[in-house]
Amino acid sequence: MPLTYHENLFTELLSVLKDAGQLTELAVNSSCMNEATAPILAEICGIKKLTLHGPGRAILNLLPGWLGRLSRSLTGLHLKVS
């Protein structure tokens, strides 16, 4: 969760994570929740614990559908504002 980052730094990484079957816990900040990366992030499934630090409109608009897909696995959700 870097404070400064190149705009597309995490786009490719998130695409890989959505296919990572063993991923159970994920914590991200705004570096992974912009207009370009939020849709990719919201495709990640199977997570048990999800923490979103400073979620913006891009991810909040996708959150209801994402939570619906996570309903069988998710046991913890934390939305944090710094």
PDB file of N, CA and C in Angstrom:
ATOM      1  N   MET A   1       0.829  -1.183   0.000  1.00  0.00           N
ATOM      2  CA  MET A   1       0.000   0.000   0.000  1.00  0.00           C
ATOM      3  C   MET A   1       0.879   1.255   0.000  1.00  0.00           C
ATOM      4  N   PRO A   2       1.534   1.519  -1.095  1.00  0.00           N
ATOM      5  CA  PRO A   2       2.409   2.695  -1.156  1.00  0.00           C
ATOM      6  C   PRO A   2       1.621   3.994  -1.161  1.00  0.00           C
ATOM      7  N   LEU A   3       2.238   5.038  -0.628  1.00  0.00           N
ATOM      8  CA  LEU A   3       1.598   6.343  -0.622  1.00  0.00           C
ATOM      9  C   LEU A   3       1.725   7.030  -1.980  1.00  0.00           C
ATOM     10  N   THR A   4       2.829   6.795  -2.674  1.00  0.00           N
ATOM     11  CA  THR A   4       3.003   7.332  -4.022  1.00  0.00           C
ATOM     12  C   THR A   4       3.262   6.170  -4.966  1.00  0.00           C
ATOM     13  N   TYR A   5       2.782   6.282  -6.190  1.00  0.00           N
ATOM     14  CA  TYR A   5       2.866   5.175  -7.126  1.00  0.00           C
ATOM     15  C   TYR A   5       2.568   5.675  -8.533  1.00  0.00           C
ATOM     16  N   HIS A   6       3.043   4.950  -9.526  1.00  0.00           N
ATOM     17  CA  HIS A   6       2.701   5.236 -10.910  1.00  0.00           C
ATOM     18  C   HIS A   6       1.255   4.795 -11.124  1.00  0.00           C
ATOM     19  N   GLU A   7       0.492   5.512 -11.889  1.00  0.00           N
ATOM     20  CA  GLU A   7      -0.940   5.261 -12.059  1.00  0.00           C
ATOM     21  C   GLU A   7      -1.277   3.823 -12.450  1.00  0.00           C
ATOM     22  N   ASN A   8      -0.479   3.196 -13.285  1.00  0.00           N
ATOM     23  CA  ASN A   8      -0.774   1.839 -13.762  1.00  0.00           C
ATOM     24  C   ASN A   8       0.075   0.757 -13.103  1.00  0.00           C
ATOM     25  N   LEU A   9       0.713   1.078 -11.996  1.00  0.00           N
ATOM     26  CA  LEU A   9       1.636   0.149 -11.348  1.00  0.00           C
ATOM     27  C   LEU A   9       0.981  -1.175 -10.965  1.00  0.00           C
ATOM     28  N   PHE A  10      -0.246  -1.155 -10.481  1.00  0.00           N
ATOM     29  CA  PHE A  10      -0.868  -2.364  -9.961  1.00  0.00           C
ATOM     30  C   PHE A  10      -1.865  -3.027 -10.908  1.00  0.00           C
ATOM     31  N   THR A  11      -2.084  -2.468 -12.079  1.00  0.00           N
ATOM     32  CA  THR A  11      -3.070  -3.013 -13.009  1.00  0.00           C
ATOM     33  C   THR A  11      -2.764  -4.465 -13.364  1.00  0.00           C
ATOM     34  N   GLU A  12      -1.546  -4.754 -13.763  1.00  0.00           N
ATOM     35  CA  GLU A  12      -1.179  -6.115 -14.156  1.00  0.00           C
ATOM     36  C   GLU A  12      -1.170  -7.061 -12.960  1.00  0.00           C
ATOM     37  N   LEU A  13      -0.689  -6.594 -11.825  1.00  0.00           N
ATOM     38  CA  LEU A  13      -0.655  -7.422 -10.617  1.00  0.00           C
ATOM     39  C   LEU A  13      -2.058  -7.840 -10.190  1.00  0.00           C
ATOM     40  N   LEU A  14      -3.006  -6.932 -10.240  1.00  0.00           N
ATOM     41  CA  LEU A  14      -4.381  -7.262  -9.853  1.00  0.00           C
ATOM     42  C   LEU A  14      -4.980  -8.302 -10.785  1.00  0.00           C
ATOM     43  N   SER A  15      -4.626  -8.243 -12.043  1.00  0.00           N
ATOM     44  CA  SER A  15      -5.114  -9.251 -12.990  1.00  0.00           C
ATOM     45  C   SER A  15      -4.618 -10.636 -12.611  1.00  0.00           C
ATOM     46  N   VAL A  16      -3.410 -10.727 -12.113  1.00  0.00           N
ATOM     47  CA  VAL A  16      -2.852 -12.005 -11.662  1.00  0.00           C
ATOM     48  C   VAL A  16      -3.531 -12.456 -10.374  1.00  0.00           C
ATOM     49  N   LEU A  17      -3.781 -11.532  -9.455  1.00  0.00           N
ATOM     50  CA  LEU A  17      -4.389 -11.879  -8.172  1.00  0.00           C
ATOM     51  C   LEU A  17      -5.802 -12.434  -8.307  1.00  0.00           C
ATOM     52  N   LYS A  18      -6.533 -11.996  -9.313  1.00  0.00           N
ATOM     53  CA  LYS A  18      -7.910 -12.485  -9.449  1.00  0.00           C
ATOM     54  C   LYS A  18      -7.962 -13.972  -9.751  1.00  0.00           C
ATOM     55  N   ASP A  19      -6.846 -14.532 -10.223  1.00  0.00           N
ATOM     56  CA  ASP A  19      -6.772 -15.963 -10.506  1.00  0.00           C
ATOM     57  C   ASP A  19      -6.008 -16.734  -9.429  1.00  0.00           C
ATOM     58  N   ALA A  20      -5.627 -16.057  -8.344  1.00  0.00           N
ATOM     59  CA  ALA A  20      -4.878 -16.702  -7.268  1.00  0.00           C
ATOM     60  C   ALA A  20      -5.849 -17.375  -6.312  1.00  0.00           C
ATOM     61  N   GLY A  21      -6.024 -18.671  -6.440  1.00  0.00           N
ATOM     62  CA  GLY A  21      -6.996 -19.421  -5.650  1.00  0.00           C
ATOM     63  C   GLY A  21      -6.694 -19.492  -4.172  1.00  0.00           C
ATOM     64  N   GLN A  22      -5.456 -19.266  -3.766  1.00  0.00           N
ATOM     65  CA  GLN A  22      -5.083 -19.381  -2.359  1.00  0.00           C
ATOM     66  C   GLN A  22      -5.116 -18.048  -1.615  1.00  0.00           C
ATOM     67  N   LEU A  23      -5.456 -16.962  -2.281  1.00  0.00           N
ATOM     68  CA  LEU A  23      -5.510 -15.646  -1.650  1.00  0.00           C
ATOM     69  C   LEU A  23      -6.698 -15.586  -0.700  1.00  0.00           C
ATOM     70  N   THR A  24      -6.440 -15.375   0.590  1.00  0.00           N
ATOM     71  CA  THR A  24      -7.529 -15.343   1.567  1.00  0.00           C
ATOM     72  C   THR A  24      -7.676 -13.998   2.257  1.00  0.00           C
ATOM     73  N   GLU A  25      -6.638 -13.166   2.216  1.00  0.00           N
ATOM     74  CA  GLU A  25      -6.703 -11.874   2.887  1.00  0.00           C
ATOM     75  C   GLU A  25      -6.107 -10.816   1.972  1.00  0.00           C
ATOM     76  N   LEU A  26      -6.798  -9.685   1.850  1.00  0.00           N
ATOM     77  CA  LEU A  26      -6.351  -8.626   0.956  1.00  0.00           C
ATOM     78  C   LEU A  26      -6.583  -7.276   1.618  1.00  0.00           C
ATOM     79  N   ALA A  27      -5.546  -6.433   1.642  1.00  0.00           N
ATOM     80  CA  ALA A  27      -5.638  -5.065   2.136  1.00  0.00           C
ATOM     81  C   ALA A  27      -5.048  -4.154   1.070  1.00  0.00           C
ATOM     82  N   VAL A  28      -5.814  -3.163   0.649  1.00  0.00           N
ATOM     83  CA  VAL A  28      -5.356  -2.237  -0.389  1.00  0.00           C
ATOM     84  C   VAL A  28      -5.732  -0.811  -0.025  1.00  0.00           C
ATOM     85  N   ASN A  29      -5.010   0.136  -0.631  1.00  0.00           N
ATOM     86  CA  ASN A  29      -5.372   1.544  -0.483  1.00  0.00           C
ATOM     87  C   ASN A  29      -5.697   2.109  -1.859  1.00  0.00           C
ATOM     88  N   SER A  30      -5.718   3.406  -1.971  1.00  0.00           N
ATOM     89  CA  SER A  30      -6.146   4.042  -3.224  1.00  0.00           C
ATOM     90  C   SER A  30      -5.268   3.675  -4.413  1.00  0.00           C
ATOM     91  N   SER A  31      -4.082   3.148  -4.166  1.00  0.00           N
ATOM     92  CA  SER A  31      -3.214   2.753  -5.273  1.00  0.00           C
ATOM     93  C   SER A  31      -3.825   1.634  -6.111  1.00  0.00           C
ATOM     94  N   CYS A  32      -4.811   0.928  -5.567  1.00  0.00           N
ATOM     95  CA  CYS A  32      -5.471  -0.169  -6.295  1.00  0.00           C
ATOM     96  C   CYS A  32      -6.959   0.082  -6.505  1.00  0.00           C
ATOM     97  N   MET A  33      -7.426   1.291  -6.235  1.00  0.00           N
ATOM     98  CA  MET A  33      -8.870   1.535  -6.304  1.00  0.00           C
ATOM     99  C   MET A  33      -9.238   2.730  -7.172  1.00  0.00           C
ATOM    100  N   ASN A  34      -8.450   2.996  -8.215  1.00  0.00           N
ATOM    101  CA  ASN A  34      -8.817   4.102  -9.097  1.00  0.00           C
ATOM    102  C   ASN A  34      -9.764   3.594 -10.190  1.00  0.00           C
ATOM    103  N   GLU A  35     -10.129   4.451 -11.109  1.00  0.00           N
ATOM    104  CA  GLU A  35     -11.095   4.082 -12.153  1.00  0.00           C
ATOM    105  C   GLU A  35     -10.615   2.902 -13.003  1.00  0.00           C
ATOM    106  N   ALA A  36      -9.313   2.801 -13.221  1.00  0.00           N
ATOM    107  CA  ALA A  36      -8.781   1.726 -14.065  1.00  0.00           C
ATOM    108  C   ALA A  36      -8.642   0.411 -13.309  1.00  0.00           C
ATOM    109  N   THR A  37      -8.246   0.475 -12.050  1.00  0.00           N
ATOM    110  CA  THR A  37      -7.955  -0.755 -11.306  1.00  0.00           C
ATOM    111  C   THR A  37      -9.118  -1.281 -10.488  1.00  0.00           C
ATOM    112  N   ALA A  38     -10.056  -0.450 -10.113  1.00  0.00           N
ATOM    113  CA  ALA A  38     -11.181  -0.895  -9.278  1.00  0.00           C
ATOM    114  C   ALA A  38     -11.975  -2.042  -9.919  1.00  0.00           C
ATOM    115  N   PRO A  39     -12.294  -1.999 -11.216  1.00  0.00           N
ATOM    116  CA  PRO A  39     -13.022  -3.127 -11.807  1.00  0.00           C
ATOM    117  C   PRO A  39     -12.233  -4.439 -11.763  1.00  0.00           C
ATOM    118  N   ILE A  40     -10.922  -4.353 -11.914  1.00  0.00           N
ATOM    119  CA  ILE A  40     -10.087  -5.554 -11.844  1.00  0.00           C
ATOM    120  C   ILE A  40     -10.056  -6.068 -10.409  1.00  0.00           C
ATOM    121  N   LEU A  41      -9.890  -5.164  -9.459  1.00  0.00           N
ATOM    122  CA  LEU A  41      -9.874  -5.528  -8.045  1.00  0.00           C
ATOM    123  C   LEU A  41     -11.167  -6.230  -7.652  1.00  0.00           C
ATOM    124  N   ALA A  42     -12.278  -5.722  -8.131  1.00  0.00           N
ATOM    125  CA  ALA A  42     -13.590  -6.264  -7.768  1.00  0.00           C
ATOM    126  C   ALA A  42     -13.870  -7.634  -8.382  1.00  0.00           C
ATOM    127  N   GLU A  43     -12.980  -8.125  -9.225  1.00  0.00           N
ATOM    128  CA  GLU A  43     -13.125  -9.465  -9.790  1.00  0.00           C
ATOM    129  C   GLU A  43     -12.452 -10.536  -8.928  1.00  0.00           C
ATOM    130  N   ILE A  44     -11.668 -10.101  -7.938  1.00  0.00           N
ATOM    131  CA  ILE A  44     -10.974 -11.053  -7.074  1.00  0.00           C
ATOM    132  C   ILE A  44     -11.992 -11.737  -6.177  1.00  0.00           C
ATOM    133  N   CYS A  45     -11.986 -13.049  -6.158  1.00  0.00           N
ATOM    134  CA  CYS A  45     -12.951 -13.821  -5.368  1.00  0.00           C
ATOM    135  C   CYS A  45     -12.228 -14.738  -4.389  1.00  0.00           C
ATOM    136  N   GLY A  46     -12.979 -15.306  -3.460  1.00  0.00           N
ATOM    137  CA  GLY A  46     -12.442 -16.262  -2.505  1.00  0.00           C
ATOM    138  C   GLY A  46     -11.789 -15.653  -1.291  1.00  0.00           C
ATOM    139  N   ILE A  47     -11.828 -14.352  -1.160  1.00  0.00           N
ATOM    140  CA  ILE A  47     -11.190 -13.663  -0.041  1.00  0.00           C
ATOM    141  C   ILE A  47     -12.002 -13.883   1.240  1.00  0.00           C
ATOM    142  N   LYS A  48     -11.303 -14.104   2.339  1.00  0.00           N
ATOM    143  CA  LYS A  48     -11.961 -14.220   3.642  1.00  0.00           C
ATOM    144  C   LYS A  48     -11.968 -12.894   4.383  1.00  0.00           C
ATOM    145  N   LYS A  49     -10.880 -12.132   4.251  1.00  0.00           N
ATOM    146  CA  LYS A  49     -10.767 -10.833   4.926  1.00  0.00           C
ATOM    147  C   LYS A  49     -10.366  -9.781   3.914  1.00  0.00           C
ATOM    148  N   LEU A  50     -11.121  -8.698   3.883  1.00  0.00           N
ATOM    149  CA  LEU A  50     -10.881  -7.611   2.937  1.00  0.00           C
ATOM    150  C   LEU A  50     -10.813  -6.292   3.694  1.00  0.00           C
ATOM    151  N   THR A  51      -9.741  -5.537   3.459  1.00  0.00           N
ATOM    152  CA  THR A  51      -9.580  -4.221   4.062  1.00  0.00           C
ATOM    153  C   THR A  51      -9.340  -3.210   2.961  1.00  0.00           C
ATOM    154  N   LEU A  52     -10.171  -2.187   2.909  1.00  0.00           N
ATOM    155  CA  LEU A  52     -10.037  -1.109   1.931  1.00  0.00           C
ATOM    156  C   LEU A  52      -9.697   0.168   2.689  1.00  0.00           C
ATOM    157  N   HIS A  53      -8.481   0.678   2.499  1.00  0.00           N
ATOM    158  CA  HIS A  53      -8.023   1.909   3.144  1.00  0.00           C
ATOM    159  C   HIS A  53      -8.355   3.092   2.240  1.00  0.00           C
ATOM    160  N   GLY A  54      -9.227   3.964   2.689  1.00  0.00           N
ATOM    161  CA  GLY A  54      -9.587   5.145   1.918  1.00  0.00           C
ATOM    162  C   GLY A  54     -10.303   4.847   0.622  1.00  0.00           C
ATOM    163  N   PRO A  55     -11.344   4.014   0.662  1.00  0.00           N
ATOM    164  CA  PRO A  55     -12.043   3.686  -0.586  1.00  0.00           C
ATOM    165  C   PRO A  55     -12.705   4.921  -1.197  1.00  0.00           C
ATOM    166  N   GLY A  56     -12.565   5.048  -2.492  1.00  0.00           N
ATOM    167  CA  GLY A  56     -13.178   6.157  -3.214  1.00  0.00           C
ATOM    168  C   GLY A  56     -14.413   5.703  -3.970  1.00  0.00           C
ATOM    169  N   ARG A  57     -14.965   6.614  -4.733  1.00  0.00           N
ATOM    170  CA  ARG A  57     -16.199   6.352  -5.461  1.00  0.00           C
ATOM    171  C   ARG A  57     -16.070   5.184  -6.433  1.00  0.00           C
ATOM    172  N   ALA A  58     -14.910   5.041  -7.076  1.00  0.00           N
ATOM    173  CA  ALA A  58     -14.726   3.974  -8.077  1.00  0.00           C
ATOM    174  C   ALA A  58     -14.972   2.594  -7.474  1.00  0.00           C
ATOM    175  N   ILE A  59     -14.399   2.327  -6.306  1.00  0.00           N
ATOM    176  CA  ILE A  59     -14.578   1.005  -5.700  1.00  0.00           C
ATOM    177  C   ILE A  59     -15.898   0.919  -4.941  1.00  0.00           C
ATOM    178  N   LEU A  60     -16.339   2.000  -4.351  1.00  0.00           N
ATOM    179  CA  LEU A  60     -17.613   1.968  -3.610  1.00  0.00           C
ATOM    180  C   LEU A  60     -18.793   1.677  -4.533  1.00  0.00           C
ATOM    181  N   ASN A  61     -18.727   2.146  -5.778  1.00  0.00           N
ATOM    182  CA  ASN A  61     -19.793   1.840  -6.737  1.00  0.00           C
ATOM    183  C   ASN A  61     -19.833   0.353  -7.088  1.00  0.00           C
ATOM    184  N   LEU A  62     -18.673  -0.301  -7.053  1.00  0.00           N
ATOM    185  CA  LEU A  62     -18.583  -1.723  -7.383  1.00  0.00           C
ATOM    186  C   LEU A  62     -18.750  -2.631  -6.171  1.00  0.00           C
ATOM    187  N   LEU A  63     -18.660  -2.064  -4.976  1.00  0.00           N
ATOM    188  CA  LEU A  63     -18.646  -2.865  -3.752  1.00  0.00           C
ATOM    189  C   LEU A  63     -19.887  -3.730  -3.548  1.00  0.00           C
ATOM    190  N   PRO A  64     -21.112  -3.265  -3.786  1.00  0.00           N
ATOM    191  CA  PRO A  64     -22.272  -4.141  -3.572  1.00  0.00           C
ATOM    192  C   PRO A  64     -22.229  -5.427  -4.403  1.00  0.00           C
ATOM    193  N   GLY A  65     -21.895  -5.322  -5.669  1.00  0.00           N
ATOM    194  CA  GLY A  65     -21.791  -6.509  -6.520  1.00  0.00           C
ATOM    195  C   GLY A  65     -20.640  -7.410  -6.100  1.00  0.00           C
ATOM    196  N   TRP A  66     -19.519  -6.793  -5.723  1.00  0.00           N
ATOM    197  CA  TRP A  66     -18.352  -7.551  -5.294  1.00  0.00           C
ATOM    198  C   TRP A  66     -18.663  -8.319  -4.012  1.00  0.00           C
ATOM    199  N   LEU A  67     -19.306  -7.657  -3.069  1.00  0.00           N
ATOM    200  CA  LEU A  67     -19.666  -8.332  -1.816  1.00  0.00           C
ATOM    201  C   LEU A  67     -20.637  -9.480  -2.072  1.00  0.00           C
ATOM    202  N   GLY A  68     -21.502  -9.333  -3.047  1.00  0.00           N
ATOM    203  CA  GLY A  68     -22.406 -10.422  -3.408  1.00  0.00           C
ATOM    204  C   GLY A  68     -21.644 -11.647  -3.889  1.00  0.00           C
ATOM    205  N   ARG A  69     -20.588 -11.416  -4.664  1.00  0.00           N
ATOM    206  CA  ARG A  69     -19.773 -12.534  -5.154  1.00  0.00           C
ATOM    207  C   ARG A  69     -18.901 -13.124  -4.053  1.00  0.00           C
ATOM    208  N   LEU A  70     -18.602 -12.328  -3.026  1.00  0.00           N
ATOM    209  CA  LEU A  70     -17.780 -12.802  -1.914  1.00  0.00           C
ATOM    210  C   LEU A  70     -18.607 -13.381  -0.770  1.00  0.00           C
ATOM    211  N   SER A  71     -19.904 -13.390  -0.903  1.00  0.00           N
ATOM    212  CA  SER A  71     -20.774 -13.743   0.224  1.00  0.00           C
ATOM    213  C   SER A  71     -20.511 -15.127   0.811  1.00  0.00           C
ATOM    214  N   ARG A  72     -20.005 -16.056   0.025  1.00  0.00           N
ATOM    215  CA  ARG A  72     -19.738 -17.407   0.541  1.00  0.00           C
ATOM    216  C   ARG A  72     -18.403 -17.509   1.279  1.00  0.00           C
ATOM    217  N   SER A  73     -17.490 -16.601   0.998  1.00  0.00           N
ATOM    218  CA  SER A  73     -16.158 -16.711   1.590  1.00  0.00           C
ATOM    219  C   SER A  73     -15.834 -15.622   2.609  1.00  0.00           C
ATOM    220  N   LEU A  74     -16.381 -14.435   2.452  1.00  0.00           N
ATOM    221  CA  LEU A  74     -15.987 -13.283   3.262  1.00  0.00           C
ATOM    222  C   LEU A  74     -16.448 -13.400   4.710  1.00  0.00           C
ATOM    223  N   THR A  75     -15.477 -13.269   5.634  1.00  0.00           N
ATOM    224  CA  THR A  75     -15.797 -13.288   7.067  1.00  0.00           C
ATOM    225  C   THR A  75     -15.449 -11.978   7.738  1.00  0.00           C
ATOM    226  N   GLY A  76     -14.696 -11.115   7.054  1.00  0.00           N
ATOM    227  CA  GLY A  76     -14.324  -9.837   7.631  1.00  0.00           C
ATOM    228  C   GLY A  76     -14.173  -8.759   6.570  1.00  0.00           C
ATOM    229  N   LEU A  77     -14.791  -7.604   6.815  1.00  0.00           N
ATOM    230  CA  LEU A  77     -14.702  -6.456   5.914  1.00  0.00           C
ATOM    231  C   LEU A  77     -14.386  -5.228   6.742  1.00  0.00           C
ATOM    232  N   HIS A  78     -13.336  -4.506   6.343  1.00  0.00           N
ATOM    233  CA  HIS A  78     -12.951  -3.284   7.037  1.00  0.00           C
ATOM    234  C   HIS A  78     -12.798  -2.166   6.017  1.00  0.00           C
ATOM    235  N   LEU A  79     -13.539  -1.095   6.209  1.00  0.00           N
ATOM    236  CA  LEU A  79     -13.401   0.115   5.401  1.00  0.00           C
ATOM    237  C   LEU A  79     -12.782   1.155   6.300  1.00  0.00           C
ATOM    238  N   LYS A  80     -11.604   1.627   5.943  1.00  0.00           N
ATOM    239  CA  LYS A  80     -10.868   2.562   6.796  1.00  0.00           C
ATOM    240  C   LYS A  80     -10.627   3.874   6.062  1.00  0.00           C
ATOM    241  N   VAL A  81     -10.781   4.955   6.790  1.00  0.00           N
ATOM    242  CA  VAL A  81     -10.507   6.277   6.261  1.00  0.00           C
ATOM    243  C   VAL A  81      -9.385   6.867   7.092  1.00  0.00           C
ATOM    244  N   SER A  82      -8.361   7.356   6.408  1.00  0.00           N
ATOM    245  CA  SER A  82      -7.197   7.908   7.121  1.00  0.00           C
ATOM    246  C   SER A  82      -7.424   9.340   7.486  1.00  0.00           C
TER     247      SER A  82
END
